[in-house]
Each structure stands twice: as C-alpha cells, then as structure tokens.
Amino acid sequence: QRPEETPLFCWAGVEEHLSTHDGGEMDDYVDDIDTLLVFAGLFSAILTAFITQTYPSLQPSGLDTTNQLLALSIQTHLYTTGTVLPDSLNPDLISHAAISPTPFTPSASVRWINTLFFLSLLFSLAAALFGILAKQWLREYMKWNSPSATPRENVLVRQIRIEAWEAWRVAAIISTIPILLELGMFEFLAGIIILLWTLDDVVAQVITFFGAVFTGIICAFTVTP
C-alpha cells in the first residue's frame, strides 16, 4: 500500500503543517525587511541632504570662474584699445590669469568626504533593492499552496521551491541587507568625522570619540552570539 493511502500519512495534514511553518517564517522575514526598508529610506534621505551640500566642492567655484572671465575681459580690452596698465596693477599677472587659468583640483578631504557619502548612499540603495527583490521572492515562494491543486501536489511543489531556496541561498542574501546598511552607516560616520575635522577640531574630537565608542559597541554586538 502506498504511503499516501495509509491513514497514518495524510497529505492534507502535511500540507497544513508546512503552510503554517512557512507562513510564520516568511512573515518574520517580511516584517524584518519592511523595517529595514523604512530605515533605508530615511537614511537615504539624510544622505541626500548632506550630498547636496558637499558635492559642489568637487567643482570649481563660481567666484574662480568669474575672476578668470574678468581677467580675460580686461586682457581683451587692453589689446583692443592699446591701453597700458601701470606696474602697480601687475599687468603680467592679469595676462597670465587670462591665458593660463589655474586648473581646479579638489582637496583630499573633499574627495574623501564625497567618496564616503556617495558610497554610503550606494550601499543604502543596494539594501533597499535587495529588500524589494527579497519580498518578491517570498511572495512567489508562498504560492506553492494553491487551492486548485491537491495537497500532495502542493507538498511536492513546496519541496521543489525549498530546494531552490536553499540552492540560491536566499536566506543568506536577505541577511546581507542589514550588513549593507551597517556598512553605509560606518561610511557616513567616517565622512562626517572627516568633514568636522575640516571645520572645528574640538567638535571633531568629541564626535570622533563617541563615533569610535559607537562603532566598538556595534562590532561587539555583531561578533557576540
């Protein structure tokens, strides 16, 4: 006699047990992902506010461009009118500024700040993208329990999907979402510290100290089981 025909083996009971088990597990995944998506959205908004203030420092300021245009205008006027400027106005300097403007190069601190901020935003957006994809995978996975199929067919479909779930390491992919957000937070904190060191030493020292304490606590909680 086949197992499905014995009274001790009921496919409907197996289906109900697996549905309850998977439903509870997937609901936990969905709740965690929703929380992470909300945090990623708020974090990205904060990062965007900082980036809009720091990225212009990667470009030459409008004042430098204005000075170069002014020097070029003066030089053109001198050539067309034949006017000779007195030595006190340093005509050679005006001519050099008009013909060979100094190329703009952002400072190392500016480059580090913007690199860290943009990387932090990239990790935050990647976490949000993985979260959206993970919710789609969870939704598709739970479709194994079809009301139009027999309990035996549903259990077999579920077995195929759980094998694919394990083969593709979906649980490991979902676990990378908080890791990406943590990396983004550390990069944002590092960028803030570098920015503060360019503004005020006292404030930078205080934030650096508490930032180091915060980082140490997070690392301890992450490593400790």
C-alpha atoms as a PDB file:
ATOM      1  CA  GLN A   1       0.000   0.000   0.000  1.00  0.00           C
ATOM      2  CA  ARG A   2       1.315   3.431  -0.963  1.00  0.00           C
ATOM      3  CA  PRO A   3       2.173   5.859   1.873  1.00  0.00           C
ATOM      4  CA  GLU A   4      -0.429   8.390   0.782  1.00  0.00           C
ATOM      5  CA  GLU A   5      -3.141   5.754   1.117  1.00  0.00           C
ATOM      6  CA  THR A   6      -2.363   4.838   4.720  1.00  0.00           C
ATOM      7  CA  PRO A   7      -4.364   6.543   7.472  1.00  0.00           C
ATOM      8  CA  LEU A   8      -1.126   7.481   9.285  1.00  0.00           C
ATOM      9  CA  PHE A   9       0.096   9.574   6.381  1.00  0.00           C
ATOM     10  CA  CYS A  10      -2.225  12.351   5.396  1.00  0.00           C
ATOM     11  CA  TRP A  11      -1.075  14.719   2.680  1.00  0.00           C
ATOM     12  CA  ALA A  12      -3.570  17.316   3.852  1.00  0.00           C
ATOM     13  CA  GLY A  13      -2.042  17.248   7.314  1.00  0.00           C
ATOM     14  CA  VAL A  14       1.462  17.617   5.884  1.00  0.00           C
ATOM     15  CA  GLU A  15       0.283  20.498   3.722  1.00  0.00           C
ATOM     16  CA  GLU A  16      -1.293  22.259   6.685  1.00  0.00           C
ATOM     17  CA  HIS A  17       1.805  21.794   8.822  1.00  0.00           C
ATOM     18  CA  LEU A  18       4.146  23.099   6.108  1.00  0.00           C
ATOM     19  CA  SER A  19       1.839  26.007   5.336  1.00  0.00           C
ATOM     20  CA  THR A  20       1.759  27.039   8.992  1.00  0.00           C
ATOM     21  CA  HIS A  21       5.525  26.658   9.325  1.00  0.00           C
ATOM     22  CA  ASP A  22       6.348  28.561   6.135  1.00  0.00           C
ATOM     23  CA  GLY A  23       3.735  31.222   6.816  1.00  0.00           C
ATOM     24  CA  GLY A  24       5.207  32.073  10.206  1.00  0.00           C
ATOM     25  CA  GLU A  25       8.783  32.042   8.914  1.00  0.00           C
ATOM     26  CA  MET A  26       8.008  34.161   5.864  1.00  0.00           C
ATOM     27  CA  ASP A  27       6.013  36.644   7.948  1.00  0.00           C
ATOM     28  CA  ASP A  28       9.085  37.128  10.137  1.00  0.00           C
ATOM     29  CA  TYR A  29      11.200  37.750   7.039  1.00  0.00           C
ATOM     30  CA  VAL A  30       8.677  40.251   5.689  1.00  0.00           C
ATOM     31  CA  ASP A  31       8.484  42.158   8.987  1.00  0.00           C
ATOM     32  CA  ASP A  32      12.274  42.407   9.198  1.00  0.00           C
ATOM     33  CA  ILE A  33      12.579  43.514   5.577  1.00  0.00           C
ATOM     34  CA  ASP A  34       9.852  46.146   5.987  1.00  0.00           C
ATOM     35  CA  THR A  35      11.684  47.611   8.976  1.00  0.00           C
ATOM     36  CA  LEU A  36      14.965  47.675   7.048  1.00  0.00           C
ATOM     37  CA  LEU A  37      13.299  49.299   4.037  1.00  0.00           C
ATOM     38  CA  VAL A  38      11.902  52.092   6.211  1.00  0.00           C
ATOM     39  CA  PHE A  39      15.328  52.668   7.739  1.00  0.00           C
ATOM     40  CA  ALA A  40      16.992  52.596   4.304  1.00  0.00           C
ATOM     41  CA  GLY A  41      14.538  55.224   3.049  1.00  0.00           C
ATOM     42  CA  LEU A  42      15.142  57.566   5.971  1.00  0.00           C
ATOM     43  CA  PHE A  43      18.894  57.023   5.811  1.00  0.00           C
ATOM     44  CA  SER A  44      18.984  57.732   2.069  1.00  0.00           C
ATOM     45  CA  ALA A  45      17.055  60.967   2.604  1.00  0.00           C
ATOM     46  CA  ILE A  46      19.571  62.119   5.227  1.00  0.00           C
ATOM     47  CA  LEU A  47      22.482  61.191   2.956  1.00  0.00           C
ATOM     48  CA  THR A  48      20.965  63.090   0.055  1.00  0.00           C
ATOM     49  CA  ALA A  49      20.706  66.219   2.199  1.00  0.00           C
ATOM     50  CA  PHE A  50      24.418  66.004   3.036  1.00  0.00           C
ATOM     51  CA  ILE A  51      25.493  65.168  -0.515  1.00  0.00           C
ATOM     52  CA  THR A  52      23.697  68.187  -1.953  1.00  0.00           C
ATOM     53  CA  GLN A  53      25.831  70.348   0.331  1.00  0.00           C
ATOM     54  CA  THR A  54      29.185  68.630  -0.273  1.00  0.00           C
ATOM     55  CA  TYR A  55      29.301  67.633  -3.935  1.00  0.00           C
ATOM     56  CA  PRO A  56      29.579  71.249  -5.237  1.00  0.00           C
ATOM     57  CA  SER A  57      33.008  71.364  -3.584  1.00  0.00           C
ATOM     58  CA  LEU A  58      34.191  68.906  -6.257  1.00  0.00           C
ATOM     59  CA  GLN A  59      33.665  71.603  -8.884  1.00  0.00           C
ATOM     60  CA  PRO A  60      35.346  74.984  -9.279  1.00  0.00           C
ATOM     61  CA  SER A  61      33.511  77.761  -7.516  1.00  0.00           C
ATOM     62  CA  GLY A  62      31.647  80.397  -9.440  1.00  0.00           C
ATOM     63  CA  LEU A  63      33.950  83.066  -7.999  1.00  0.00           C
ATOM     64  CA  ASP A  64      37.006  81.479  -9.632  1.00  0.00           C
ATOM     65  CA  THR A  65      35.249  81.335 -12.988  1.00  0.00           C
ATOM     66  CA  THR A  66      34.147  84.941 -12.628  1.00  0.00           C
ATOM     67  CA  ASN A  67      37.701  86.059 -11.860  1.00  0.00           C
ATOM     68  CA  GLN A  68      39.032  84.237 -14.918  1.00  0.00           C
ATOM     69  CA  LEU A  69      36.389  85.787 -17.160  1.00  0.00           C
ATOM     70  CA  LEU A  70      37.117  89.206 -15.695  1.00  0.00           C
ATOM     71  CA  ALA A  71      40.849  88.787 -16.336  1.00  0.00           C
ATOM     72  CA  LEU A  72      40.135  87.687 -19.899  1.00  0.00           C
ATOM     73  CA  SER A  73      37.843  90.671 -20.433  1.00  0.00           C
ATOM     74  CA  ILE A  74      40.489  93.069 -19.128  1.00  0.00           C
ATOM     75  CA  GLN A  75      43.161  91.482 -21.313  1.00  0.00           C
ATOM     76  CA  THR A  76      40.927  91.752 -24.388  1.00  0.00           C
ATOM     77  CA  HIS A  77      40.186  95.379 -23.618  1.00  0.00           C
ATOM     78  CA  LEU A  78      43.889  96.145 -23.267  1.00  0.00           C
ATOM     79  CA  TYR A  79      44.695  94.613 -26.648  1.00  0.00           C
ATOM     80  CA  THR A  80      41.844  96.355 -28.484  1.00  0.00           C
ATOM     81  CA  THR A  81      42.407  99.814 -27.002  1.00  0.00           C
ATOM     82  CA  GLY A  82      46.183  99.686 -26.694  1.00  0.00           C
ATOM     83  CA  THR A  83      45.946 100.728 -23.073  1.00  0.00           C
ATOM     84  CA  VAL A  84      48.985 100.113 -20.903  1.00  0.00           C
ATOM     85  CA  LEU A  85      48.337  99.405 -17.256  1.00  0.00           C
ATOM     86  CA  PRO A  86      50.664 100.798 -14.595  1.00  0.00           C
ATOM     87  CA  ASP A  87      53.054  98.399 -12.928  1.00  0.00           C
ATOM     88  CA  SER A  88      51.115  98.696  -9.663  1.00  0.00           C
ATOM     89  CA  LEU A  89      48.234  96.721 -11.230  1.00  0.00           C
ATOM     90  CA  ASN A  90      50.608  93.907 -12.251  1.00  0.00           C
ATOM     91  CA  PRO A  91      49.579  93.503 -15.907  1.00  0.00           C
ATOM     92  CA  ASP A  92      51.653  90.324 -16.241  1.00  0.00           C
ATOM     93  CA  LEU A  93      49.536  88.632 -13.571  1.00  0.00           C
ATOM     94  CA  ILE A  94      46.327  89.646 -15.344  1.00  0.00           C
ATOM     95  CA  SER A  95      47.658  88.327 -18.634  1.00  0.00           C
ATOM     96  CA  HIS A  96      48.716  85.028 -17.080  1.00  0.00           C
ATOM     97  CA  ALA A  97      45.335  84.564 -15.377  1.00  0.00           C
ATOM     98  CA  ALA A  98      43.506  85.186 -18.637  1.00  0.00           C
ATOM     99  CA  ILE A  99      45.659  82.941 -20.825  1.00  0.00           C
ATOM    100  CA  SER A 100      46.609  80.137 -18.396  1.00  0.00           C
ATOM    101  CA  PRO A 101      43.971  79.785 -15.685  1.00  0.00           C
ATOM    102  CA  THR A 102      44.948  77.557 -12.772  1.00  0.00           C
ATOM    103  CA  PRO A 103      43.297  74.132 -13.135  1.00  0.00           C
ATOM    104  CA  PHE A 104      40.898  73.295 -10.320  1.00  0.00           C
ATOM    105  CA  THR A 105      41.802  70.352  -8.087  1.00  0.00           C
ATOM    106  CA  PRO A 106      39.642  69.437  -5.080  1.00  0.00           C
ATOM    107  CA  SER A 107      41.431  68.777  -1.819  1.00  0.00           C
ATOM    108  CA  ALA A 108      41.988  65.269  -0.476  1.00  0.00           C
ATOM    109  CA  SER A 109      39.499  65.813   2.347  1.00  0.00           C
ATOM    110  CA  VAL A 110      36.802  66.916  -0.092  1.00  0.00           C
ATOM    111  CA  ARG A 111      37.378  63.821  -2.197  1.00  0.00           C
ATOM    112  CA  TRP A 112      37.248  61.524   0.828  1.00  0.00           C
ATOM    113  CA  ILE A 113      34.074  63.124   2.180  1.00  0.00           C
ATOM    114  CA  ASN A 114      32.202  62.848  -1.105  1.00  0.00           C
ATOM    115  CA  THR A 115      33.508  59.343  -1.796  1.00  0.00           C
ATOM    116  CA  LEU A 116      32.301  58.100   1.588  1.00  0.00           C
ATOM    117  CA  PHE A 117      28.936  59.846   1.294  1.00  0.00           C
ATOM    118  CA  PHE A 118      28.263  58.533  -2.206  1.00  0.00           C
ATOM    119  CA  LEU A 119      29.387  55.017  -1.231  1.00  0.00           C
ATOM    120  CA  SER A 120      27.099  55.164   1.781  1.00  0.00           C
ATOM    121  CA  LEU A 121      24.184  56.176  -0.437  1.00  0.00           C
ATOM    122  CA  LEU A 122      25.056  53.375  -2.861  1.00  0.00           C
ATOM    123  CA  PHE A 123      25.008  50.761  -0.084  1.00  0.00           C
ATOM    124  CA  SER A 124      21.719  52.124   1.235  1.00  0.00           C
ATOM    125  CA  LEU A 125      20.082  51.942  -2.194  1.00  0.00           C
ATOM    126  CA  ALA A 126      21.508  48.449  -2.741  1.00  0.00           C
ATOM    127  CA  ALA A 127      19.993  47.334   0.568  1.00  0.00           C
ATOM    128  CA  ALA A 128      16.625  48.758  -0.465  1.00  0.00           C
ATOM    129  CA  LEU A 129      16.838  46.992  -3.835  1.00  0.00           C
ATOM    130  CA  PHE A 130      17.716  43.658  -2.216  1.00  0.00           C
ATOM    131  CA  GLY A 131      14.831  44.142   0.200  1.00  0.00           C
ATOM    132  CA  ILE A 132      12.349  44.691  -2.628  1.00  0.00           C
ATOM    133  CA  LEU A 133      13.657  41.653  -4.514  1.00  0.00           C
ATOM    134  CA  ALA A 134      13.526  39.544  -1.358  1.00  0.00           C
ATOM    135  CA  LYS A 135       9.874  40.438  -0.782  1.00  0.00           C
ATOM    136  CA  GLN A 136       9.095  39.366  -4.336  1.00  0.00           C
ATOM    137  CA  TRP A 137      10.886  36.039  -3.764  1.00  0.00           C
ATOM    138  CA  LEU A 138       8.948  35.478  -0.547  1.00  0.00           C
ATOM    139  CA  ARG A 139       5.670  36.231  -2.275  1.00  0.00           C
ATOM    140  CA  GLU A 140       6.425  33.808  -5.103  1.00  0.00           C
ATOM    141  CA  TYR A 141       7.622  31.121  -2.707  1.00  0.00           C
ATOM    142  CA  MET A 142       4.363  31.129  -0.743  1.00  0.00           C
ATOM    143  CA  LYS A 143       2.353  30.497  -3.916  1.00  0.00           C
ATOM    144  CA  TRP A 144       3.132  26.781  -3.605  1.00  0.00           C
ATOM    145  CA  ASN A 145      -0.027  26.338  -1.532  1.00  0.00           C
ATOM    146  CA  SER A 146      -2.503  26.519  -4.400  1.00  0.00           C
ATOM    147  CA  PRO A 147      -6.194  25.882  -3.616  1.00  0.00           C
ATOM    148  CA  SER A 148      -6.715  24.426  -7.099  1.00  0.00           C
ATOM    149  CA  ALA A 149      -4.150  21.639  -6.581  1.00  0.00           C
ATOM    150  CA  THR A 150      -4.281  18.555  -4.418  1.00  0.00           C
ATOM    151  CA  PRO A 151      -2.426  18.521  -1.089  1.00  0.00           C
ATOM    152  CA  ARG A 152       0.083  16.034  -2.476  1.00  0.00           C
ATOM    153  CA  GLU A 153       0.833  18.270  -5.470  1.00  0.00           C
ATOM    154  CA  ASN A 154       1.231  21.299  -3.212  1.00  0.00           C
ATOM    155  CA  VAL A 155       3.678  19.457  -0.966  1.00  0.00           C
ATOM    156  CA  LEU A 156       5.739  18.355  -3.968  1.00  0.00           C
ATOM    157  CA  VAL A 157       5.801  21.895  -5.371  1.00  0.00           C
ATOM    158  CA  ARG A 158       6.829  23.178  -1.973  1.00  0.00           C
ATOM    159  CA  GLN A 159       9.703  20.699  -1.875  1.00  0.00           C
ATOM    160  CA  ILE A 160      10.937  21.920  -5.254  1.00  0.00           C
ATOM    161  CA  ARG A 161      10.803  25.528  -4.109  1.00  0.00           C
ATOM    162  CA  ILE A 162      12.527  24.915  -0.787  1.00  0.00           C
ATOM    163  CA  GLU A 163      15.343  23.153  -2.636  1.00  0.00           C
ATOM    164  CA  ALA A 164      15.666  26.143  -4.969  1.00  0.00           C
ATOM    165  CA  TRP A 165      15.509  28.464  -1.939  1.00  0.00           C
ATOM    166  CA  GLU A 166      18.454  26.661  -0.364  1.00  0.00           C
ATOM    167  CA  ALA A 167      20.379  26.338  -3.633  1.00  0.00           C
ATOM    168  CA  TRP A 168      20.158  30.073  -4.313  1.00  0.00           C
ATOM    169  CA  ARG A 169      20.929  30.893  -0.656  1.00  0.00           C
ATOM    170  CA  VAL A 170      18.022  33.294  -0.415  1.00  0.00           C
ATOM    171  CA  ALA A 171      18.267  33.428   3.379  1.00  0.00           C
ATOM    172  CA  ALA A 172      21.920  34.483   3.103  1.00  0.00           C
ATOM    173  CA  ILE A 173      21.007  37.167   0.569  1.00  0.00           C
ATOM    174  CA  ILE A 174      18.343  38.521   2.914  1.00  0.00           C
ATOM    175  CA  SER A 175      20.883  38.605   5.749  1.00  0.00           C
ATOM    176  CA  THR A 176      23.121  40.881   3.647  1.00  0.00           C
ATOM    177  CA  ILE A 177      20.529  43.678   3.774  1.00  0.00           C
ATOM    178  CA  PRO A 178      21.341  44.816   7.349  1.00  0.00           C
ATOM    179  CA  ILE A 179      25.053  44.312   6.617  1.00  0.00           C
ATOM    180  CA  LEU A 180      24.842  46.738   3.691  1.00  0.00           C
ATOM    181  CA  LEU A 181      23.053  49.275   5.871  1.00  0.00           C
ATOM    182  CA  GLU A 182      25.671  48.916   8.610  1.00  0.00           C
ATOM    183  CA  LEU A 183      28.475  49.450   6.103  1.00  0.00           C
ATOM    184  CA  GLY A 184      26.667  52.504   4.795  1.00  0.00           C
ATOM    185  CA  MET A 185      26.321  53.892   8.315  1.00  0.00           C
ATOM    186  CA  PHE A 186      30.019  53.393   9.055  1.00  0.00           C
ATOM    187  CA  GLU A 187      30.974  55.155   5.810  1.00  0.00           C
ATOM    188  CA  PHE A 188      28.602  58.007   6.587  1.00  0.00           C
ATOM    189  CA  LEU A 189      30.070  58.337  10.083  1.00  0.00           C
ATOM    190  CA  ALA A 190      33.605  58.379   8.659  1.00  0.00           C
ATOM    191  CA  GLY A 191      32.613  61.077   6.178  1.00  0.00           C
ATOM    192  CA  ILE A 192      31.038  63.161   8.946  1.00  0.00           C
ATOM    193  CA  ILE A 193      34.196  62.886  11.052  1.00  0.00           C
ATOM    194  CA  ILE A 194      36.437  63.980   8.165  1.00  0.00           C
ATOM    195  CA  LEU A 195      34.082  66.866   7.432  1.00  0.00           C
ATOM    196  CA  LEU A 196      34.159  68.010  11.054  1.00  0.00           C
ATOM    197  CA  TRP A 197      37.965  67.916  11.158  1.00  0.00           C
ATOM    198  CA  THR A 198      37.955  70.456   8.323  1.00  0.00           C
ATOM    199  CA  LEU A 199      35.625  72.729  10.308  1.00  0.00           C
ATOM    200  CA  ASP A 200      36.465  72.600  14.022  1.00  0.00           C
ATOM    201  CA  ASP A 201      38.967  70.481  15.950  1.00  0.00           C
ATOM    202  CA  VAL A 202      37.063  70.411  19.252  1.00  0.00           C
ATOM    203  CA  VAL A 203      33.789  69.248  17.729  1.00  0.00           C
ATOM    204  CA  ALA A 204      35.688  66.739  15.603  1.00  0.00           C
ATOM    205  CA  GLN A 205      37.444  65.269  18.643  1.00  0.00           C
ATOM    206  CA  VAL A 206      34.176  64.790  20.539  1.00  0.00           C
ATOM    207  CA  ILE A 207      32.374  63.188  17.598  1.00  0.00           C
ATOM    208  CA  THR A 208      35.393  61.015  16.785  1.00  0.00           C
ATOM    209  CA  PHE A 209      35.495  59.682  20.351  1.00  0.00           C
ATOM    210  CA  PHE A 210      31.806  58.846  20.552  1.00  0.00           C
ATOM    211  CA  GLY A 211      31.853  57.540  16.991  1.00  0.00           C
ATOM    212  CA  ALA A 212      34.632  55.129  17.953  1.00  0.00           C
ATOM    213  CA  VAL A 213      32.654  54.019  21.011  1.00  0.00           C
ATOM    214  CA  PHE A 214      29.542  53.518  18.900  1.00  0.00           C
ATOM    215  CA  THR A 215      31.485  51.516  16.311  1.00  0.00           C
ATOM    216  CA  GLY A 216      33.044  49.339  19.007  1.00  0.00           C
ATOM    217  CA  ILE A 217      29.647  48.559  20.543  1.00  0.00           C
ATOM    218  CA  ILE A 218      28.157  47.652  17.170  1.00  0.00           C
ATOM    219  CA  CYS A 219      31.112  45.384  16.352  1.00  0.00           C
ATOM    220  CA  ALA A 220      30.839  43.700  19.757  1.00  0.00           C
ATOM    221  CA  PHE A 221      27.112  43.048  19.309  1.00  0.00           C
ATOM    222  CA  THR A 222      27.742  41.733  15.798  1.00  0.00           C
ATOM    223  CA  VAL A 223      30.508  39.313  16.793  1.00  0.00           C
ATOM    224  CA  THR A 224      28.967  38.188  20.086  1.00  0.00           C
ATOM    225  CA  PRO A 225      26.397  35.417  19.508  1.00  0.00           C
END
